[in-house]
Amino acid sequence: MTLDPELVALTRRLRPFRRRLWLRRVVRDSVRIGAVVTVVLLGLAIVARIIPFEWLAAAAIGAVVIGLLAIAVDAVRVRPTLAEAALAIDTEEGLNDRVSTALALAKSSPELAEAAEAESAWNSSGVGSAEEAYGDYQLVVDAIADRLLDIRESYAHSLDEDAADEYRDTFTRTASRRYRRYATLLADLDLDED
């Protein structure tokens, strides 16, 4: 099964931002770790003034080495996921969760890639197998339409009646623009209700 081309493109566009977010986190935490190491070194210097001890240099080197190891471990630990990068870009750019939602839908909807494969199989099928290939394609399209309907209705049920109707209309318009061939079930259901 191939990956959804939109997911691949979105992932590719998020990579540079993910790297910048990672670098910002590493620098932020490195400054904090450096401050802790500095306080430890100052504490060692004060203790050495009051109570002289022979291991001051070794303790200072040990504190610096531990600080550097902490920075290295932290750099691995704070590496953001694609979802975290998407949330961060949504927040920084005021995108109202558009990128993170697109990423979540693309990742959780392998049906889109399956639909592309089924459509390709249908288009390249011969005369004898075209009907079966179209049936396979239609099954995938129906599964996507059902998923969109489930998403729409599960949230709409949490709203009051007027807000739910407005949400359904907005969701249907947006889904029809974004997933034109898969969202016809939503529009058909809305026409049946009217």
N, C-alpha and C. Protein backbone atom coordinates (compact mmCIF):
# COMPACT_ATOMS: atom_id res chain seq x y z
N MET A 1 0.85 -1.18 0.00
CA MET A 1 0.00 0.00 0.00
C MET A 1 0.89 1.24 0.00
N THR A 2 0.60 2.18 -0.85
CA THR A 2 1.37 3.41 -0.91
C THR A 2 0.81 4.42 0.07
N LEU A 3 1.67 5.36 0.46
CA LEU A 3 1.23 6.40 1.38
C LEU A 3 0.43 7.45 0.63
N ASP A 4 -0.43 8.10 1.35
CA ASP A 4 -1.23 9.17 0.79
C ASP A 4 -0.28 10.28 0.32
N PRO A 5 -0.36 10.71 -0.95
CA PRO A 5 0.55 11.74 -1.44
C PRO A 5 0.44 13.05 -0.66
N GLU A 6 -0.74 13.35 -0.16
CA GLU A 6 -0.90 14.57 0.63
C GLU A 6 -0.18 14.46 1.96
N LEU A 7 -0.18 13.27 2.56
CA LEU A 7 0.55 13.06 3.81
C LEU A 7 2.05 13.20 3.57
N VAL A 8 2.53 12.64 2.47
CA VAL A 8 3.95 12.73 2.15
C VAL A 8 4.34 14.20 1.95
N ALA A 9 3.53 14.95 1.21
CA ALA A 9 3.84 16.36 0.97
C ALA A 9 3.78 17.17 2.26
N LEU A 10 2.78 16.91 3.09
CA LEU A 10 2.65 17.63 4.36
C LEU A 10 3.84 17.32 5.27
N THR A 11 4.23 16.07 5.33
CA THR A 11 5.38 15.67 6.14
C THR A 11 6.65 16.36 5.66
N ARG A 12 6.83 16.42 4.35
CA ARG A 12 8.01 17.07 3.78
C ARG A 12 8.03 18.56 4.12
N ARG A 13 6.87 19.21 4.08
CA ARG A 13 6.82 20.64 4.41
C ARG A 13 7.00 20.91 5.89
N LEU A 14 6.67 19.94 6.73
CA LEU A 14 6.82 20.12 8.18
C LEU A 14 8.26 19.87 8.67
N ARG A 15 9.07 19.16 7.91
CA ARG A 15 10.42 18.81 8.37
C ARG A 15 11.27 20.02 8.75
N PRO A 16 11.36 21.06 7.92
CA PRO A 16 12.21 22.20 8.33
C PRO A 16 11.70 22.86 9.62
N PHE A 17 10.40 22.98 9.76
CA PHE A 17 9.86 23.58 10.98
C PHE A 17 10.13 22.67 12.17
N ARG A 18 10.05 21.38 11.97
CA ARG A 18 10.33 20.43 13.05
C ARG A 18 11.77 20.57 13.52
N ARG A 19 12.71 20.74 12.56
CA ARG A 19 14.12 20.93 12.92
C ARG A 19 14.32 22.22 13.71
N ARG A 20 13.67 23.31 13.26
CA ARG A 20 13.79 24.59 13.97
C ARG A 20 13.21 24.48 15.38
N LEU A 21 12.07 23.81 15.51
CA LEU A 21 11.45 23.63 16.83
C LEU A 21 12.38 22.83 17.74
N TRP A 22 12.99 21.80 17.19
CA TRP A 22 13.93 20.98 17.96
C TRP A 22 15.12 21.81 18.42
N LEU A 23 15.68 22.58 17.51
CA LEU A 23 16.81 23.44 17.87
C LEU A 23 16.44 24.44 18.96
N ARG A 24 15.27 25.04 18.84
CA ARG A 24 14.82 25.99 19.87
C ARG A 24 14.71 25.31 21.22
N ARG A 25 14.16 24.10 21.23
CA ARG A 25 14.03 23.37 22.49
C ARG A 25 15.40 23.03 23.08
N VAL A 26 16.32 22.59 22.23
CA VAL A 26 17.67 22.23 22.71
C VAL A 26 18.36 23.47 23.27
N VAL A 27 18.28 24.59 22.57
CA VAL A 27 18.92 25.82 23.06
C VAL A 27 18.29 26.26 24.38
N ARG A 28 16.97 26.25 24.45
CA ARG A 28 16.28 26.64 25.68
C ARG A 28 16.71 25.78 26.85
N ASP A 29 16.72 24.47 26.65
CA ASP A 29 17.08 23.57 27.74
C ASP A 29 18.58 23.63 28.05
N SER A 30 19.41 23.88 27.04
CA SER A 30 20.85 24.01 27.26
C SER A 30 21.15 25.21 28.14
N VAL A 31 20.43 26.29 27.93
CA VAL A 31 20.62 27.47 28.78
C VAL A 31 20.25 27.13 30.22
N ARG A 32 19.17 26.41 30.41
CA ARG A 32 18.76 26.02 31.77
C ARG A 32 19.79 25.10 32.41
N ILE A 33 20.25 24.12 31.65
CA ILE A 33 21.25 23.18 32.19
C ILE A 33 22.55 23.93 32.48
N GLY A 34 22.93 24.84 31.58
CA GLY A 34 24.13 25.65 31.81
C GLY A 34 24.01 26.49 33.07
N ALA A 35 22.82 27.01 33.34
CA ALA A 35 22.60 27.80 34.56
C ALA A 35 22.75 26.91 35.79
N VAL A 36 22.22 25.70 35.75
CA VAL A 36 22.35 24.77 36.87
C VAL A 36 23.82 24.42 37.11
N VAL A 37 24.56 24.14 36.02
CA VAL A 37 25.98 23.82 36.14
C VAL A 37 26.73 25.01 36.73
N THR A 38 26.40 26.21 36.31
CA THR A 38 27.05 27.42 36.83
C THR A 38 26.79 27.57 38.33
N VAL A 39 25.56 27.34 38.75
CA VAL A 39 25.23 27.42 40.18
C VAL A 39 26.01 26.36 40.97
N VAL A 40 26.11 25.15 40.41
CA VAL A 40 26.88 24.09 41.07
C VAL A 40 28.35 24.50 41.19
N LEU A 41 28.92 25.06 40.11
CA LEU A 41 30.31 25.49 40.14
C LEU A 41 30.51 26.61 41.16
N LEU A 42 29.59 27.55 41.22
CA LEU A 42 29.68 28.61 42.23
C LEU A 42 29.58 28.03 43.63
N GLY A 43 28.68 27.08 43.82
CA GLY A 43 28.56 26.42 45.12
C GLY A 43 29.85 25.71 45.51
N LEU A 44 30.46 25.02 44.54
CA LEU A 44 31.74 24.35 44.81
C LEU A 44 32.82 25.36 45.19
N ALA A 45 32.85 26.49 44.48
CA ALA A 45 33.85 27.52 44.77
C ALA A 45 33.64 28.10 46.17
N ILE A 46 32.40 28.32 46.57
CA ILE A 46 32.11 28.86 47.90
C ILE A 46 32.50 27.84 48.98
N VAL A 47 32.14 26.57 48.75
CA VAL A 47 32.50 25.53 49.71
C VAL A 47 34.02 25.40 49.82
N ALA A 48 34.73 25.51 48.69
CA ALA A 48 36.20 25.41 48.69
C ALA A 48 36.82 26.57 49.46
N ARG A 49 36.19 27.73 49.47
CA ARG A 49 36.69 28.88 50.25
C ARG A 49 36.53 28.64 51.74
N ILE A 50 35.41 28.03 52.10
CA ILE A 50 35.13 27.80 53.52
C ILE A 50 35.89 26.58 54.04
N ILE A 51 35.77 25.49 53.33
CA ILE A 51 36.42 24.24 53.71
C ILE A 51 37.28 23.79 52.53
N PRO A 52 38.56 24.06 52.55
CA PRO A 52 39.40 23.67 51.41
C PRO A 52 39.39 22.14 51.21
N PHE A 53 39.23 21.72 49.96
CA PHE A 53 39.34 20.31 49.66
C PHE A 53 40.08 20.14 48.34
N GLU A 54 40.74 19.00 48.22
CA GLU A 54 41.66 18.76 47.12
C GLU A 54 40.96 18.42 45.81
N TRP A 55 39.72 18.04 45.84
CA TRP A 55 39.03 17.55 44.67
C TRP A 55 38.19 18.62 43.98
N LEU A 56 38.48 19.89 44.20
CA LEU A 56 37.70 20.97 43.60
C LEU A 56 37.76 20.92 42.07
N ALA A 57 38.96 20.77 41.52
CA ALA A 57 39.11 20.75 40.06
C ALA A 57 38.37 19.55 39.46
N ALA A 58 38.52 18.39 40.09
CA ALA A 58 37.85 17.18 39.58
C ALA A 58 36.33 17.32 39.69
N ALA A 59 35.85 17.90 40.81
CA ALA A 59 34.41 18.09 40.98
C ALA A 59 33.88 19.08 39.95
N ALA A 60 34.63 20.14 39.66
CA ALA A 60 34.20 21.12 38.66
C ALA A 60 34.15 20.50 37.27
N ILE A 61 35.16 19.72 36.93
CA ILE A 61 35.17 19.04 35.63
C ILE A 61 34.01 18.05 35.55
N GLY A 62 33.77 17.33 36.65
CA GLY A 62 32.65 16.39 36.70
C GLY A 62 31.31 17.08 36.49
N ALA A 63 31.14 18.25 37.10
CA ALA A 63 29.88 19.00 36.94
C ALA A 63 29.70 19.43 35.49
N VAL A 64 30.78 19.87 34.85
CA VAL A 64 30.69 20.29 33.44
C VAL A 64 30.37 19.09 32.55
N VAL A 65 31.04 17.97 32.79
CA VAL A 65 30.80 16.76 31.99
C VAL A 65 29.36 16.29 32.18
N ILE A 66 28.88 16.28 33.41
CA ILE A 66 27.48 15.88 33.66
C ILE A 66 26.53 16.84 32.96
N GLY A 67 26.83 18.13 32.95
CA GLY A 67 26.01 19.10 32.24
C GLY A 67 25.98 18.84 30.75
N LEU A 68 27.14 18.53 30.18
CA LEU A 68 27.20 18.22 28.73
C LEU A 68 26.43 16.94 28.41
N LEU A 69 26.55 15.93 29.27
CA LEU A 69 25.77 14.70 29.07
C LEU A 69 24.27 14.97 29.19
N ALA A 70 23.91 15.82 30.13
CA ALA A 70 22.48 16.17 30.29
C ALA A 70 21.96 16.88 29.04
N ILE A 71 22.79 17.74 28.45
CA ILE A 71 22.38 18.42 27.20
C ILE A 71 22.19 17.40 26.08
N ALA A 72 23.12 16.44 25.97
CA ALA A 72 23.01 15.42 24.92
C ALA A 72 21.76 14.56 25.10
N VAL A 73 21.50 14.14 26.32
CA VAL A 73 20.30 13.33 26.59
C VAL A 73 19.04 14.14 26.32
N ASP A 74 19.07 15.40 26.74
CA ASP A 74 17.91 16.27 26.53
C ASP A 74 17.65 16.50 25.04
N ALA A 75 18.73 16.61 24.26
CA ALA A 75 18.56 16.82 22.81
C ALA A 75 17.81 15.66 22.16
N VAL A 76 18.08 14.46 22.65
CA VAL A 76 17.36 13.28 22.12
C VAL A 76 15.92 13.28 22.64
N ARG A 77 15.75 13.63 23.90
CA ARG A 77 14.44 13.57 24.54
C ARG A 77 13.45 14.59 23.99
N VAL A 78 13.92 15.79 23.63
CA VAL A 78 12.99 16.86 23.24
C VAL A 78 12.72 16.92 21.74
N ARG A 79 13.22 15.95 20.98
CA ARG A 79 12.96 15.97 19.54
C ARG A 79 11.45 15.89 19.30
N PRO A 80 10.88 16.89 18.62
CA PRO A 80 9.42 16.91 18.46
C PRO A 80 8.94 15.91 17.42
N THR A 81 7.75 15.40 17.64
CA THR A 81 7.10 14.56 16.64
C THR A 81 6.51 15.47 15.56
N LEU A 82 6.05 14.89 14.49
CA LEU A 82 5.40 15.69 13.45
C LEU A 82 4.14 16.35 13.99
N ALA A 83 3.42 15.63 14.86
CA ALA A 83 2.19 16.21 15.43
C ALA A 83 2.52 17.41 16.31
N GLU A 84 3.59 17.32 17.10
CA GLU A 84 3.99 18.46 17.93
C GLU A 84 4.42 19.64 17.06
N ALA A 85 5.13 19.35 15.97
CA ALA A 85 5.53 20.42 15.06
C ALA A 85 4.30 21.07 14.42
N ALA A 86 3.33 20.26 14.05
CA ALA A 86 2.10 20.80 13.45
C ALA A 86 1.35 21.67 14.46
N LEU A 87 1.25 21.21 15.70
CA LEU A 87 0.59 22.01 16.73
C LEU A 87 1.33 23.32 16.98
N ALA A 88 2.66 23.25 16.99
CA ALA A 88 3.45 24.46 17.23
C ALA A 88 3.27 25.46 16.09
N ILE A 89 3.28 24.99 14.86
CA ILE A 89 3.11 25.92 13.74
C ILE A 89 1.69 26.49 13.72
N ASP A 90 0.71 25.67 14.10
CA ASP A 90 -0.66 26.18 14.21
C ASP A 90 -0.74 27.31 15.23
N THR A 91 -0.12 27.10 16.37
CA THR A 91 -0.15 28.09 17.44
C THR A 91 0.60 29.36 17.04
N GLU A 92 1.80 29.20 16.50
CA GLU A 92 2.62 30.37 16.17
C GLU A 92 2.05 31.19 15.03
N GLU A 93 1.44 30.53 14.09
CA GLU A 93 0.93 31.23 12.91
C GLU A 93 -0.56 31.54 13.01
N GLY A 94 -1.19 31.16 14.11
CA GLY A 94 -2.62 31.43 14.29
C GLY A 94 -3.48 30.70 13.28
N LEU A 95 -3.17 29.45 13.01
CA LEU A 95 -3.87 28.69 11.96
C LEU A 95 -5.06 27.90 12.48
N ASN A 96 -5.40 28.05 13.75
CA ASN A 96 -6.57 27.37 14.32
C ASN A 96 -6.56 25.87 14.06
N ASP A 97 -5.45 25.23 14.31
CA ASP A 97 -5.29 23.77 14.21
C ASP A 97 -5.46 23.21 12.80
N ARG A 98 -5.27 24.01 11.79
CA ARG A 98 -5.44 23.51 10.42
C ARG A 98 -4.38 22.48 10.06
N VAL A 99 -3.11 22.77 10.36
CA VAL A 99 -2.04 21.85 9.97
C VAL A 99 -2.12 20.57 10.79
N SER A 100 -2.35 20.69 12.10
CA SER A 100 -2.41 19.49 12.93
C SER A 100 -3.61 18.62 12.56
N THR A 101 -4.72 19.26 12.23
CA THR A 101 -5.90 18.49 11.82
C THR A 101 -5.66 17.79 10.49
N ALA A 102 -5.04 18.50 9.55
CA ALA A 102 -4.73 17.87 8.26
C ALA A 102 -3.79 16.70 8.43
N LEU A 103 -2.80 16.86 9.30
CA LEU A 103 -1.86 15.77 9.55
C LEU A 103 -2.56 14.59 10.21
N ALA A 104 -3.40 14.86 11.19
CA ALA A 104 -4.11 13.78 11.89
C ALA A 104 -5.04 13.04 10.94
N LEU A 105 -5.76 13.78 10.11
CA LEU A 105 -6.67 13.13 9.16
C LEU A 105 -5.90 12.32 8.13
N ALA A 106 -4.80 12.88 7.64
CA ALA A 106 -4.02 12.16 6.63
C ALA A 106 -3.43 10.89 7.21
N LYS A 107 -2.96 10.95 8.47
CA LYS A 107 -2.39 9.75 9.09
C LYS A 107 -3.45 8.72 9.45
N SER A 108 -4.60 9.20 9.90
CA SER A 108 -5.61 8.26 10.36
C SER A 108 -6.53 7.80 9.24
N SER A 109 -6.30 8.24 8.03
CA SER A 109 -7.17 7.89 6.92
C SER A 109 -6.38 7.20 5.81
N PRO A 110 -5.96 5.96 6.04
CA PRO A 110 -5.27 5.26 4.97
C PRO A 110 -6.21 4.96 3.81
N GLU A 111 -7.49 5.19 4.05
CA GLU A 111 -8.47 4.94 2.99
C GLU A 111 -8.21 5.85 1.78
N LEU A 112 -7.65 7.04 2.02
CA LEU A 112 -7.39 7.95 0.90
C LEU A 112 -6.36 7.35 -0.05
N ALA A 113 -5.30 6.78 0.50
CA ALA A 113 -4.31 6.13 -0.34
C ALA A 113 -4.91 4.90 -1.01
N GLU A 114 -5.73 4.17 -0.25
CA GLU A 114 -6.39 3.00 -0.81
C GLU A 114 -7.33 3.39 -1.95
N ALA A 115 -8.01 4.52 -1.79
CA ALA A 115 -8.90 5.01 -2.85
C ALA A 115 -8.11 5.37 -4.09
N ALA A 116 -6.95 6.00 -3.91
CA ALA A 116 -6.12 6.34 -5.07
C ALA A 116 -5.66 5.08 -5.79
N GLU A 117 -5.29 4.06 -5.02
CA GLU A 117 -4.89 2.79 -5.64
C GLU A 117 -6.06 2.13 -6.36
N ALA A 118 -7.23 2.13 -5.72
CA ALA A 118 -8.40 1.50 -6.34
C ALA A 118 -8.82 2.23 -7.60
N GLU A 119 -8.75 3.56 -7.56
CA GLU A 119 -9.09 4.33 -8.76
C GLU A 119 -8.11 4.06 -9.88
N SER A 120 -6.83 3.99 -9.53
CA SER A 120 -5.81 3.68 -10.54
C SER A 120 -6.04 2.28 -11.13
N ALA A 121 -6.37 1.33 -10.28
CA ALA A 121 -6.66 -0.03 -10.76
C ALA A 121 -7.89 -0.04 -11.66
N TRP A 122 -8.87 0.73 -11.31
CA TRP A 122 -10.10 0.81 -12.12
C TRP A 122 -9.79 1.43 -13.47
N ASN A 123 -9.02 2.54 -13.47
CA ASN A 123 -8.70 3.23 -14.72
C ASN A 123 -7.81 2.40 -15.65
N SER A 124 -6.98 1.55 -15.04
CA SER A 124 -6.07 0.76 -15.88
C SER A 124 -6.60 -0.65 -16.16
N SER A 125 -7.79 -0.96 -15.67
CA SER A 125 -8.33 -2.31 -15.89
C SER A 125 -8.85 -2.46 -17.31
N GLY A 126 -8.88 -3.68 -17.72
CA GLY A 126 -9.41 -3.99 -19.04
C GLY A 126 -10.93 -4.02 -19.02
N VAL A 127 -11.50 -4.25 -20.18
CA VAL A 127 -12.95 -4.26 -20.32
C VAL A 127 -13.59 -5.33 -19.45
N GLY A 128 -12.97 -6.47 -19.34
CA GLY A 128 -13.56 -7.57 -18.59
C GLY A 128 -13.53 -7.37 -17.08
N SER A 129 -12.55 -6.65 -16.59
CA SER A 129 -12.43 -6.50 -15.14
C SER A 129 -12.78 -5.10 -14.64
N ALA A 130 -13.26 -4.23 -15.52
CA ALA A 130 -13.56 -2.85 -15.15
C ALA A 130 -14.70 -2.78 -14.13
N GLU A 131 -15.72 -3.62 -14.32
CA GLU A 131 -16.86 -3.57 -13.41
C GLU A 131 -16.45 -3.97 -11.99
N GLU A 132 -15.64 -5.01 -11.88
CA GLU A 132 -15.17 -5.44 -10.56
C GLU A 132 -14.25 -4.38 -9.94
N ALA A 133 -13.36 -3.80 -10.74
CA ALA A 133 -12.46 -2.76 -10.23
C ALA A 133 -13.24 -1.53 -9.78
N TYR A 134 -14.30 -1.20 -10.53
CA TYR A 134 -15.13 -0.07 -10.11
C TYR A 134 -15.86 -0.38 -8.81
N GLY A 135 -16.32 -1.60 -8.65
CA GLY A 135 -16.97 -2.01 -7.41
C GLY A 135 -16.03 -1.89 -6.22
N ASP A 136 -14.76 -2.31 -6.41
CA ASP A 136 -13.76 -2.18 -5.35
C ASP A 136 -13.53 -0.70 -5.01
N TYR A 137 -13.43 0.10 -6.05
CA TYR A 137 -13.24 1.55 -5.84
C TYR A 137 -14.44 2.14 -5.10
N GLN A 138 -15.63 1.75 -5.47
CA GLN A 138 -16.83 2.30 -4.84
C GLN A 138 -16.93 1.90 -3.36
N LEU A 139 -16.47 0.69 -3.04
CA LEU A 139 -16.45 0.27 -1.64
C LEU A 139 -15.55 1.17 -0.80
N VAL A 140 -14.39 1.52 -1.36
CA VAL A 140 -13.45 2.40 -0.64
C VAL A 140 -14.05 3.80 -0.51
N VAL A 141 -14.67 4.30 -1.57
CA VAL A 141 -15.30 5.63 -1.53
C VAL A 141 -16.40 5.65 -0.47
N ASP A 142 -17.19 4.60 -0.42
CA ASP A 142 -18.26 4.53 0.59
C ASP A 142 -17.68 4.49 2.01
N ALA A 143 -16.57 3.79 2.19
CA ALA A 143 -15.93 3.74 3.52
C ALA A 143 -15.45 5.13 3.93
N ILE A 144 -14.89 5.88 2.99
CA ILE A 144 -14.44 7.24 3.30
C ILE A 144 -15.63 8.13 3.63
N ALA A 145 -16.68 8.01 2.85
CA ALA A 145 -17.88 8.82 3.10
C ALA A 145 -18.47 8.48 4.47
N ASP A 146 -18.48 7.21 4.83
CA ASP A 146 -18.97 6.81 6.15
C ASP A 146 -18.10 7.38 7.26
N ARG A 147 -16.79 7.38 7.04
CA ARG A 147 -15.88 7.94 8.04
C ARG A 147 -16.11 9.44 8.21
N LEU A 148 -16.27 10.16 7.11
CA LEU A 148 -16.56 11.59 7.19
C LEU A 148 -17.87 11.83 7.93
N LEU A 149 -18.86 11.01 7.63
CA LEU A 149 -20.16 11.13 8.30
C LEU A 149 -20.02 10.87 9.80
N ASP A 150 -19.24 9.85 10.16
CA ASP A 150 -19.02 9.56 11.59
C ASP A 150 -18.33 10.72 12.29
N ILE A 151 -17.32 11.29 11.65
CA ILE A 151 -16.61 12.43 12.24
C ILE A 151 -17.58 13.59 12.45
N ARG A 152 -18.35 13.89 11.42
CA ARG A 152 -19.28 15.02 11.49
C ARG A 152 -20.32 14.81 12.58
N GLU A 153 -20.93 13.64 12.60
CA GLU A 153 -22.03 13.40 13.52
C GLU A 153 -21.57 13.24 14.97
N SER A 154 -20.39 12.67 15.17
CA SER A 154 -19.93 12.49 16.55
C SER A 154 -19.71 13.84 17.23
N TYR A 155 -19.23 14.82 16.50
CA TYR A 155 -19.07 16.15 17.10
C TYR A 155 -20.40 16.90 17.14
N ALA A 156 -21.19 16.77 16.11
CA ALA A 156 -22.47 17.48 16.05
C ALA A 156 -23.39 17.08 17.20
N HIS A 157 -23.32 15.83 17.64
CA HIS A 157 -24.17 15.38 18.74
C HIS A 157 -23.80 16.03 20.07
N SER A 158 -22.61 16.61 20.15
CA SER A 158 -22.21 17.25 21.40
C SER A 158 -22.66 18.72 21.45
N LEU A 159 -23.30 19.20 20.40
CA LEU A 159 -23.72 20.60 20.32
C LEU A 159 -25.24 20.71 20.47
N ASP A 160 -25.68 21.94 20.75
CA ASP A 160 -27.14 22.13 20.75
C ASP A 160 -27.63 22.11 19.31
N GLU A 161 -28.93 22.06 19.11
CA GLU A 161 -29.51 21.81 17.79
C GLU A 161 -29.10 22.85 16.74
N ASP A 162 -29.18 24.14 17.09
CA ASP A 162 -28.82 25.18 16.12
C ASP A 162 -27.34 25.14 15.76
N ALA A 163 -26.50 25.01 16.79
CA ALA A 163 -25.06 24.94 16.54
C ALA A 163 -24.71 23.69 15.75
N ALA A 164 -25.40 22.59 16.03
CA ALA A 164 -25.14 21.34 15.32
C ALA A 164 -25.49 21.48 13.84
N ASP A 165 -26.62 22.13 13.54
CA ASP A 165 -26.99 22.33 12.14
C ASP A 165 -25.97 23.20 11.42
N GLU A 166 -25.52 24.26 12.09
CA GLU A 166 -24.51 25.13 11.48
C GLU A 166 -23.20 24.37 11.28
N TYR A 167 -22.82 23.57 12.27
CA TYR A 167 -21.59 22.78 12.16
C TYR A 167 -21.69 21.78 11.00
N ARG A 168 -22.85 21.10 10.90
CA ARG A 168 -23.03 20.14 9.81
C ARG A 168 -22.88 20.82 8.45
N ASP A 169 -23.50 22.00 8.30
CA ASP A 169 -23.40 22.73 7.02
C ASP A 169 -21.95 23.10 6.72
N THR A 170 -21.26 23.63 7.73
CA THR A 170 -19.86 24.04 7.53
C THR A 170 -18.98 22.83 7.23
N PHE A 171 -19.16 21.75 7.98
CA PHE A 171 -18.37 20.54 7.75
C PHE A 171 -18.62 20.00 6.35
N THR A 172 -19.87 19.96 5.95
CA THR A 172 -20.21 19.43 4.63
C THR A 172 -19.58 20.28 3.51
N ARG A 173 -19.68 21.61 3.64
CA ARG A 173 -19.06 22.48 2.64
C ARG A 173 -17.55 22.27 2.57
N THR A 174 -16.91 22.22 3.73
CA THR A 174 -15.46 22.06 3.78
C THR A 174 -15.05 20.69 3.25
N ALA A 175 -15.74 19.66 3.69
CA ALA A 175 -15.42 18.31 3.22
C ALA A 175 -15.67 18.17 1.72
N SER A 176 -16.71 18.84 1.22
CA SER A 176 -17.00 18.78 -0.21
C SER A 176 -15.92 19.46 -1.03
N ARG A 177 -15.36 20.54 -0.48
CA ARG A 177 -14.25 21.20 -1.16
C ARG A 177 -12.99 20.37 -1.11
N ARG A 178 -12.72 19.80 0.05
CA ARG A 178 -11.45 19.09 0.28
C ARG A 178 -11.49 17.67 -0.28
N TYR A 179 -12.58 16.97 -0.10
CA TYR A 179 -12.71 15.57 -0.52
C TYR A 179 -13.92 15.43 -1.43
N ARG A 180 -13.92 16.16 -2.51
CA ARG A 180 -15.08 16.30 -3.38
C ARG A 180 -15.76 14.97 -3.70
N ARG A 181 -15.03 14.04 -4.20
CA ARG A 181 -15.68 12.79 -4.66
C ARG A 181 -16.08 11.88 -3.52
N TYR A 182 -15.52 12.11 -2.32
CA TYR A 182 -15.84 11.24 -1.20
C TYR A 182 -16.93 11.82 -0.30
N ALA A 183 -17.22 13.08 -0.43
CA ALA A 183 -18.16 13.75 0.48
C ALA A 183 -19.57 13.87 -0.07
N THR A 184 -19.83 13.25 -1.19
CA THR A 184 -21.17 13.38 -1.77
C THR A 184 -22.25 12.77 -0.88
N LEU A 185 -21.88 11.76 -0.10
CA LEU A 185 -22.85 11.16 0.83
C LEU A 185 -23.34 12.20 1.84
N LEU A 186 -22.43 13.05 2.32
CA LEU A 186 -22.83 14.09 3.28
C LEU A 186 -23.84 15.04 2.66
N ALA A 187 -23.55 15.49 1.45
CA ALA A 187 -24.47 16.42 0.78
C ALA A 187 -25.81 15.73 0.49
N ASP A 188 -25.76 14.47 0.08
CA ASP A 188 -27.00 13.74 -0.19
C ASP A 188 -27.85 13.59 1.06
N LEU A 189 -27.21 13.31 2.19
CA LEU A 189 -27.95 13.19 3.46
C LEU A 189 -28.57 14.52 3.85
N ASP A 190 -27.84 15.62 3.64
CA ASP A 190 -28.37 16.94 3.95
C ASP A 190 -29.57 17.27 3.08
N LEU A 191 -29.54 16.83 1.80
CA LEU A 191 -30.67 17.09 0.90
C LEU A 191 -31.88 16.26 1.33
N ASP A 192 -31.63 15.02 1.76
CA ASP A 192 -32.72 14.17 2.22
C ASP A 192 -33.42 14.73 3.46
N GLU A 193 -32.63 15.37 4.35
CA GLU A 193 -33.21 15.94 5.57
C GLU A 193 -34.08 17.15 5.28
N ASP A 194 -33.75 17.90 4.22
CA ASP A 194 -34.53 19.12 3.88
C ASP A 194 -35.85 18.82 3.29
